[in-house]
Amino acid sequence: MDLNLRNAVIANVSGNNQNQLQETIVDAIQSGEEKMLPGLGVLFEVIWKNAEEADRQEMLDTLEKGLKS
């Protein structure tokens, strides 16, 4: 992913509160537009980098279950 895109996504949501972040994520998912996927990827990267190992494992478990559905 282009570093400029990563920085743009982070700059766009920096300072947002939890409700605003949730709205951003839900809107991106509900829109179904593929152009939103890189932004969601950047947000996931931030989550992953700041998560503890137990939280990462929980995310992986949830992802695995979701992909089996």
PDB file of N, CA and C in Angstrom:
ATOM      1  N   MET A   1       0.844  -1.169   0.000  1.00  0.00           N
ATOM      2  CA  MET A   1       0.000   0.000   0.000  1.00  0.00           C
ATOM      3  C   MET A   1       0.891   1.234   0.000  1.00  0.00           C
ATOM      4  N   ASP A   2       0.492   2.214  -0.767  1.00  0.00           N
ATOM      5  CA  ASP A   2       1.261   3.432  -0.897  1.00  0.00           C
ATOM      6  C   ASP A   2       1.306   4.184   0.429  1.00  0.00           C
ATOM      7  N   LEU A   3       2.475   4.608   0.823  1.00  0.00           N
ATOM      8  CA  LEU A   3       2.662   5.311   2.090  1.00  0.00           C
ATOM      9  C   LEU A   3       1.820   6.581   2.146  1.00  0.00           C
ATOM     10  N   ASN A   4       1.650   7.265   1.006  1.00  0.00           N
ATOM     11  CA  ASN A   4       0.844   8.479   0.988  1.00  0.00           C
ATOM     12  C   ASN A   4      -0.610   8.179   1.304  1.00  0.00           C
ATOM     13  N   LEU A   5      -1.123   7.064   0.816  1.00  0.00           N
ATOM     14  CA  LEU A   5      -2.495   6.661   1.113  1.00  0.00           C
ATOM     15  C   LEU A   5      -2.635   6.367   2.601  1.00  0.00           C
ATOM     16  N   ARG A   6      -1.683   5.654   3.147  1.00  0.00           N
ATOM     17  CA  ARG A   6      -1.695   5.329   4.582  1.00  0.00           C
ATOM     18  C   ARG A   6      -1.739   6.623   5.409  1.00  0.00           C
ATOM     19  N   ASN A   7      -0.863   7.553   5.085  1.00  0.00           N
ATOM     20  CA  ASN A   7      -0.827   8.820   5.817  1.00  0.00           C
ATOM     21  C   ASN A   7      -2.116   9.607   5.647  1.00  0.00           C
ATOM     22  N   ALA A   8      -2.684   9.574   4.453  1.00  0.00           N
ATOM     23  CA  ALA A   8      -3.929  10.300   4.198  1.00  0.00           C
ATOM     24  C   ALA A   8      -5.075   9.724   5.017  1.00  0.00           C
ATOM     25  N   VAL A   9      -5.164   8.405   5.083  1.00  0.00           N
ATOM     26  CA  VAL A   9      -6.226   7.768   5.867  1.00  0.00           C
ATOM     27  C   VAL A   9      -6.064   8.122   7.337  1.00  0.00           C
ATOM     28  N   ILE A  10      -4.855   8.005   7.848  1.00  0.00           N
ATOM     29  CA  ILE A  10      -4.604   8.309   9.259  1.00  0.00           C
ATOM     30  C   ILE A  10      -4.905   9.781   9.550  1.00  0.00           C
ATOM     31  N   ALA A  11      -4.488  10.674   8.674  1.00  0.00           N
ATOM     32  CA  ALA A  11      -4.762  12.100   8.874  1.00  0.00           C
ATOM     33  C   ALA A  11      -6.262  12.378   8.855  1.00  0.00           C
ATOM     34  N   ASN A  12      -6.988  11.641   8.021  1.00  0.00           N
ATOM     35  CA  ASN A  12      -8.432  11.851   7.885  1.00  0.00           C
ATOM     36  C   ASN A  12      -9.200  11.488   9.151  1.00  0.00           C
ATOM     37  N   VAL A  13      -8.707  10.520   9.908  1.00  0.00           N
ATOM     38  CA  VAL A  13      -9.442  10.074  11.104  1.00  0.00           C
ATOM     39  C   VAL A  13      -8.755  10.454  12.415  1.00  0.00           C
ATOM     40  N   SER A  14      -7.586  11.031  12.346  1.00  0.00           N
ATOM     41  CA  SER A  14      -6.890  11.451  13.569  1.00  0.00           C
ATOM     42  C   SER A  14      -7.748  12.456  14.318  1.00  0.00           C
ATOM     43  N   GLY A  15      -7.859  12.252  15.604  1.00  0.00           N
ATOM     44  CA  GLY A  15      -8.662  13.143  16.426  1.00  0.00           C
ATOM     45  C   GLY A  15     -10.128  12.765  16.504  1.00  0.00           C
ATOM     46  N   ASN A  16     -10.539  11.756  15.729  1.00  0.00           N
ATOM     47  CA  ASN A  16     -11.926  11.303  15.799  1.00  0.00           C
ATOM     48  C   ASN A  16     -12.166  10.564  17.106  1.00  0.00           C
ATOM     49  N   ASN A  17     -13.379  10.706  17.642  1.00  0.00           N
ATOM     50  CA  ASN A  17     -13.728   9.954  18.841  1.00  0.00           C
ATOM     51  C   ASN A  17     -14.214   8.557  18.438  1.00  0.00           C
ATOM     52  N   GLN A  18     -14.519   7.724  19.416  1.00  0.00           N
ATOM     53  CA  GLN A  18     -14.910   6.340  19.125  1.00  0.00           C
ATOM     54  C   GLN A  18     -16.167   6.265  18.264  1.00  0.00           C
ATOM     55  N   ASN A  19     -17.136   7.130  18.513  1.00  0.00           N
ATOM     56  CA  ASN A  19     -18.358   7.111  17.702  1.00  0.00           C
ATOM     57  C   ASN A  19     -18.066   7.453  16.249  1.00  0.00           C
ATOM     58  N   GLN A  20     -17.214   8.436  16.028  1.00  0.00           N
ATOM     59  CA  GLN A  20     -16.849   8.815  14.669  1.00  0.00           C
ATOM     60  C   GLN A  20     -16.074   7.699  13.976  1.00  0.00           C
ATOM     61  N   LEU A  21     -15.184   7.054  14.708  1.00  0.00           N
ATOM     62  CA  LEU A  21     -14.432   5.940  14.129  1.00  0.00           C
ATOM     63  C   LEU A  21     -15.364   4.797  13.765  1.00  0.00           C
ATOM     64  N   GLN A  22     -16.321   4.507  14.647  1.00  0.00           N
ATOM     65  CA  GLN A  22     -17.277   3.437  14.361  1.00  0.00           C
ATOM     66  C   GLN A  22     -18.105   3.781  13.124  1.00  0.00           C
ATOM     67  N   GLU A  23     -18.567   5.017  13.020  1.00  0.00           N
ATOM     68  CA  GLU A  23     -19.334   5.441  11.851  1.00  0.00           C
ATOM     69  C   GLU A  23     -18.514   5.286  10.577  1.00  0.00           C
ATOM     70  N   THR A  24     -17.251   5.645  10.639  1.00  0.00           N
ATOM     71  CA  THR A  24     -16.371   5.512   9.477  1.00  0.00           C
ATOM     72  C   THR A  24     -16.264   4.056   9.048  1.00  0.00           C
ATOM     73  N   ILE A  25     -16.053   3.169  10.008  1.00  0.00           N
ATOM     74  CA  ILE A  25     -15.903   1.744   9.707  1.00  0.00           C
ATOM     75  C   ILE A  25     -17.205   1.165   9.174  1.00  0.00           C
ATOM     76  N   VAL A  26     -18.309   1.441   9.852  1.00  0.00           N
ATOM     77  CA  VAL A  26     -19.609   0.900   9.434  1.00  0.00           C
ATOM     78  C   VAL A  26     -19.986   1.427   8.055  1.00  0.00           C
ATOM     79  N   ASP A  27     -19.804   2.715   7.821  1.00  0.00           N
ATOM     80  CA  ASP A  27     -20.117   3.291   6.512  1.00  0.00           C
ATOM     81  C   ASP A  27     -19.291   2.643   5.409  1.00  0.00           C
ATOM     82  N   ALA A  28     -18.009   2.431   5.676  1.00  0.00           N
ATOM     83  CA  ALA A  28     -17.135   1.817   4.670  1.00  0.00           C
ATOM     84  C   ALA A  28     -17.580   0.399   4.351  1.00  0.00           C
ATOM     85  N   ILE A  29     -17.970  -0.350   5.370  1.00  0.00           N
ATOM     86  CA  ILE A  29     -18.394  -1.736   5.154  1.00  0.00           C
ATOM     87  C   ILE A  29     -19.743  -1.774   4.458  1.00  0.00           C
ATOM     88  N   GLN A  30     -20.691  -0.957   4.914  1.00  0.00           N
ATOM     89  CA  GLN A  30     -22.036  -0.975   4.345  1.00  0.00           C
ATOM     90  C   GLN A  30     -22.071  -0.468   2.913  1.00  0.00           C
ATOM     91  N   SER A  31     -21.162   0.412   2.558  1.00  0.00           N
ATOM     92  CA  SER A  31     -21.155   0.940   1.192  1.00  0.00           C
ATOM     93  C   SER A  31     -20.819  -0.152   0.182  1.00  0.00           C
ATOM     94  N   GLY A  32     -20.015  -1.123   0.609  1.00  0.00           N
ATOM     95  CA  GLY A  32     -19.637  -2.218  -0.275  1.00  0.00           C
ATOM     96  C   GLY A  32     -18.714  -1.803  -1.410  1.00  0.00           C
ATOM     97  N   GLU A  33     -18.207  -0.590  -1.353  1.00  0.00           N
ATOM     98  CA  GLU A  33     -17.332  -0.105  -2.416  1.00  0.00           C
ATOM     99  C   GLU A  33     -15.903  -0.588  -2.182  1.00  0.00           C
ATOM    100  N   GLU A  34     -15.327  -1.159  -3.215  1.00  0.00           N
ATOM    101  CA  GLU A  34     -13.968  -1.689  -3.091  1.00  0.00           C
ATOM    102  C   GLU A  34     -12.940  -0.602  -2.825  1.00  0.00           C
ATOM    103  N   LYS A  35     -13.242   0.621  -3.220  1.00  0.00           N
ATOM    104  CA  LYS A  35     -12.283   1.712  -2.980  1.00  0.00           C
ATOM    105  C   LYS A  35     -12.104   1.996  -1.490  1.00  0.00           C
ATOM    106  N   MET A  36     -13.025   1.479  -0.657  1.00  0.00           N
ATOM    107  CA  MET A  36     -12.932   1.684   0.787  1.00  0.00           C
ATOM    108  C   MET A  36     -11.999   0.671   1.455  1.00  0.00           C
ATOM    109  N   LEU A  37     -11.695  -0.424   0.778  1.00  0.00           N
ATOM    110  CA  LEU A  37     -10.905  -1.497   1.376  1.00  0.00           C
ATOM    111  C   LEU A  37      -9.512  -1.060   1.838  1.00  0.00           C
ATOM    112  N   PRO A  38      -8.786  -0.265   1.064  1.00  0.00           N
ATOM    113  CA  PRO A  38      -7.465   0.156   1.562  1.00  0.00           C
ATOM    114  C   PRO A  38      -7.551   0.945   2.867  1.00  0.00           C
ATOM    115  N   GLY A  39      -8.558   1.790   2.999  1.00  0.00           N
ATOM    116  CA  GLY A  39      -8.721   2.556   4.234  1.00  0.00           C
ATOM    117  C   GLY A  39      -8.998   1.663   5.423  1.00  0.00           C
ATOM    118  N   LEU A  40      -9.847   0.656   5.211  1.00  0.00           N
ATOM    119  CA  LEU A  40     -10.118  -0.300   6.285  1.00  0.00           C
ATOM    120  C   LEU A  40      -8.851  -1.064   6.645  1.00  0.00           C
ATOM    121  N   GLY A  41      -8.052  -1.359   5.642  1.00  0.00           N
ATOM    122  CA  GLY A  41      -6.782  -2.043   5.894  1.00  0.00           C
ATOM    123  C   GLY A  41      -5.841  -1.200   6.745  1.00  0.00           C
ATOM    124  N   VAL A  42      -5.805   0.090   6.480  1.00  0.00           N
ATOM    125  CA  VAL A  42      -4.963   0.992   7.277  1.00  0.00           C
ATOM    126  C   VAL A  42      -5.455   1.026   8.719  1.00  0.00           C
ATOM    127  N   LEU A  43      -6.775   1.102   8.904  1.00  0.00           N
ATOM    128  CA  LEU A  43      -7.324   1.113  10.262  1.00  0.00           C
ATOM    129  C   LEU A  43      -7.017  -0.193  10.978  1.00  0.00           C
ATOM    130  N   PHE A  44      -7.116  -1.312  10.255  1.00  0.00           N
ATOM    131  CA  PHE A  44      -6.789  -2.593  10.875  1.00  0.00           C
ATOM    132  C   PHE A  44      -5.312  -2.645  11.252  1.00  0.00           C
ATOM    133  N   GLU A  45      -4.460  -2.092  10.414  1.00  0.00           N
ATOM    134  CA  GLU A  45      -3.029  -2.055  10.723  1.00  0.00           C
ATOM    135  C   GLU A  45      -2.776  -1.298  12.029  1.00  0.00           C
ATOM    136  N   VAL A  46      -3.463  -0.180  12.229  1.00  0.00           N
ATOM    137  CA  VAL A  46      -3.312   0.595  13.463  1.00  0.00           C
ATOM    138  C   VAL A  46      -3.768  -0.237  14.656  1.00  0.00           C
ATOM    139  N   ILE A  47      -4.913  -0.905  14.503  1.00  0.00           N
ATOM    140  CA  ILE A  47      -5.417  -1.761  15.581  1.00  0.00           C
ATOM    141  C   ILE A  47      -4.397  -2.846  15.905  1.00  0.00           C
ATOM    142  N   TRP A  48      -3.920  -3.530  14.886  1.00  0.00           N
ATOM    143  CA  TRP A  48      -2.994  -4.655  15.072  1.00  0.00           C
ATOM    144  C   TRP A  48      -1.710  -4.208  15.765  1.00  0.00           C
ATOM    145  N   LYS A  49      -1.151  -3.089  15.295  1.00  0.00           N
ATOM    146  CA  LYS A  49       0.116  -2.605  15.859  1.00  0.00           C
ATOM    147  C   LYS A  49      -0.022  -2.187  17.322  1.00  0.00           C
ATOM    148  N   ASN A  50      -1.222  -1.811  17.724  1.00  0.00           N
ATOM    149  CA  ASN A  50      -1.434  -1.322  19.085  1.00  0.00           C
ATOM    150  C   ASN A  50      -2.114  -2.338  19.988  1.00  0.00           C
ATOM    151  N   ALA A  51      -2.318  -3.550  19.487  1.00  0.00           N
ATOM    152  CA  ALA A  51      -3.010  -4.586  20.258  1.00  0.00           C
ATOM    153  C   ALA A  51      -2.013  -5.446  21.026  1.00  0.00           C
ATOM    154  N   GLU A  52      -2.451  -5.907  22.170  1.00  0.00           N
ATOM    155  CA  GLU A  52      -1.671  -6.871  22.947  1.00  0.00           C
ATOM    156  C   GLU A  52      -1.800  -8.238  22.272  1.00  0.00           C
ATOM    157  N   GLU A  53      -0.909  -9.143  22.597  1.00  0.00           N
ATOM    158  CA  GLU A  53      -0.901 -10.473  21.973  1.00  0.00           C
ATOM    159  C   GLU A  53      -2.234 -11.194  22.162  1.00  0.00           C
ATOM    160  N   ALA A  54      -2.825 -11.109  23.346  1.00  0.00           N
ATOM    161  CA  ALA A  54      -4.113 -11.776  23.597  1.00  0.00           C
ATOM    162  C   ALA A  54      -5.204 -11.201  22.701  1.00  0.00           C
ATOM    163  N   ASP A  55      -5.181  -9.893  22.494  1.00  0.00           N
ATOM    164  CA  ASP A  55      -6.165  -9.259  21.616  1.00  0.00           C
ATOM    165  C   ASP A  55      -5.948  -9.669  20.161  1.00  0.00           C
ATOM    166  N   ARG A  56      -4.689  -9.787  19.757  1.00  0.00           N
ATOM    167  CA  ARG A  56      -4.390 -10.246  18.394  1.00  0.00           C
ATOM    168  C   ARG A  56      -4.914 -11.663  18.186  1.00  0.00           C
ATOM    169  N   GLN A  57      -4.722 -12.508  19.175  1.00  0.00           N
ATOM    170  CA  GLN A  57      -5.207 -13.884  19.068  1.00  0.00           C
ATOM    171  C   GLN A  57      -6.725 -13.906  18.956  1.00  0.00           C
ATOM    172  N   GLU A  58      -7.388 -13.061  19.725  1.00  0.00           N
ATOM    173  CA  GLU A  58      -8.849 -12.980  19.653  1.00  0.00           C
ATOM    174  C   GLU A  58      -9.302 -12.516  18.267  1.00  0.00           C
ATOM    175  N   MET A  59      -8.583 -11.549  17.695  1.00  0.00           N
ATOM    176  CA  MET A  59      -8.912 -11.091  16.338  1.00  0.00           C
ATOM    177  C   MET A  59      -8.729 -12.216  15.333  1.00  0.00           C
ATOM    178  N   LEU A  60      -7.644 -12.962  15.474  1.00  0.00           N
ATOM    179  CA  LEU A  60      -7.400 -14.074  14.559  1.00  0.00           C
ATOM    180  C   LEU A  60      -8.468 -15.150  14.695  1.00  0.00           C
ATOM    181  N   ASP A  61      -8.873 -15.453  15.928  1.00  0.00           N
ATOM    182  CA  ASP A  61      -9.943 -16.431  16.150  1.00  0.00           C
ATOM    183  C   ASP A  61     -11.238 -15.967  15.501  1.00  0.00           C
ATOM    184  N   THR A  62     -11.566 -14.691  15.693  1.00  0.00           N
ATOM    185  CA  THR A  62     -12.783 -14.129  15.112  1.00  0.00           C
ATOM    186  C   THR A  62     -12.721 -14.154  13.593  1.00  0.00           C
ATOM    187  N   LEU A  63     -11.584 -13.801  13.035  1.00  0.00           N
ATOM    188  CA  LEU A  63     -11.408 -13.815  11.584  1.00  0.00           C
ATOM    189  C   LEU A  63     -11.557 -15.221  11.033  1.00  0.00           C
ATOM    190  N   GLU A  64     -10.908 -16.171  11.684  1.00  0.00           N
ATOM    191  CA  GLU A  64     -10.992 -17.561  11.240  1.00  0.00           C
ATOM    192  C   GLU A  64     -12.441 -18.048  11.262  1.00  0.00           C
ATOM    193  N   LYS A  65     -13.162 -17.765  12.333  1.00  0.00           N
ATOM    194  CA  LYS A  65     -14.572 -18.170  12.428  1.00  0.00           C
ATOM    195  C   LYS A  65     -15.404 -17.497  11.347  1.00  0.00           C
ATOM    196  N   GLY A  66     -15.158 -16.225  11.117  1.00  0.00           N
ATOM    197  CA  GLY A  66     -15.904 -15.488  10.103  1.00  0.00           C
ATOM    198  C   GLY A  66     -15.670 -16.003   8.701  1.00  0.00           C
ATOM    199  N   LEU A  67     -14.466 -16.461   8.429  1.00  0.00           N
ATOM    200  CA  LEU A  67     -14.156 -16.980   7.097  1.00  0.00           C
ATOM    201  C   LEU A  67     -14.704 -18.381   6.880  1.00  0.00           C
ATOM    202  N   LYS A  68     -14.998 -19.089   7.966  1.00  0.00           N
ATOM    203  CA  LYS A  68     -15.574 -20.431   7.862  1.00  0.00           C
ATOM    204  C   LYS A  68     -17.080 -20.372   7.636  1.00  0.00           C
ATOM    205  N   SER A  69     -17.685 -19.244   7.962  1.00  0.00           N
ATOM    206  CA  SER A  69     -19.146 -19.113   7.852  1.00  0.00           C
ATOM    207  C   SER A  69     -19.609 -19.112   6.417  1.00  0.00           C
TER     208      SER A  69
END
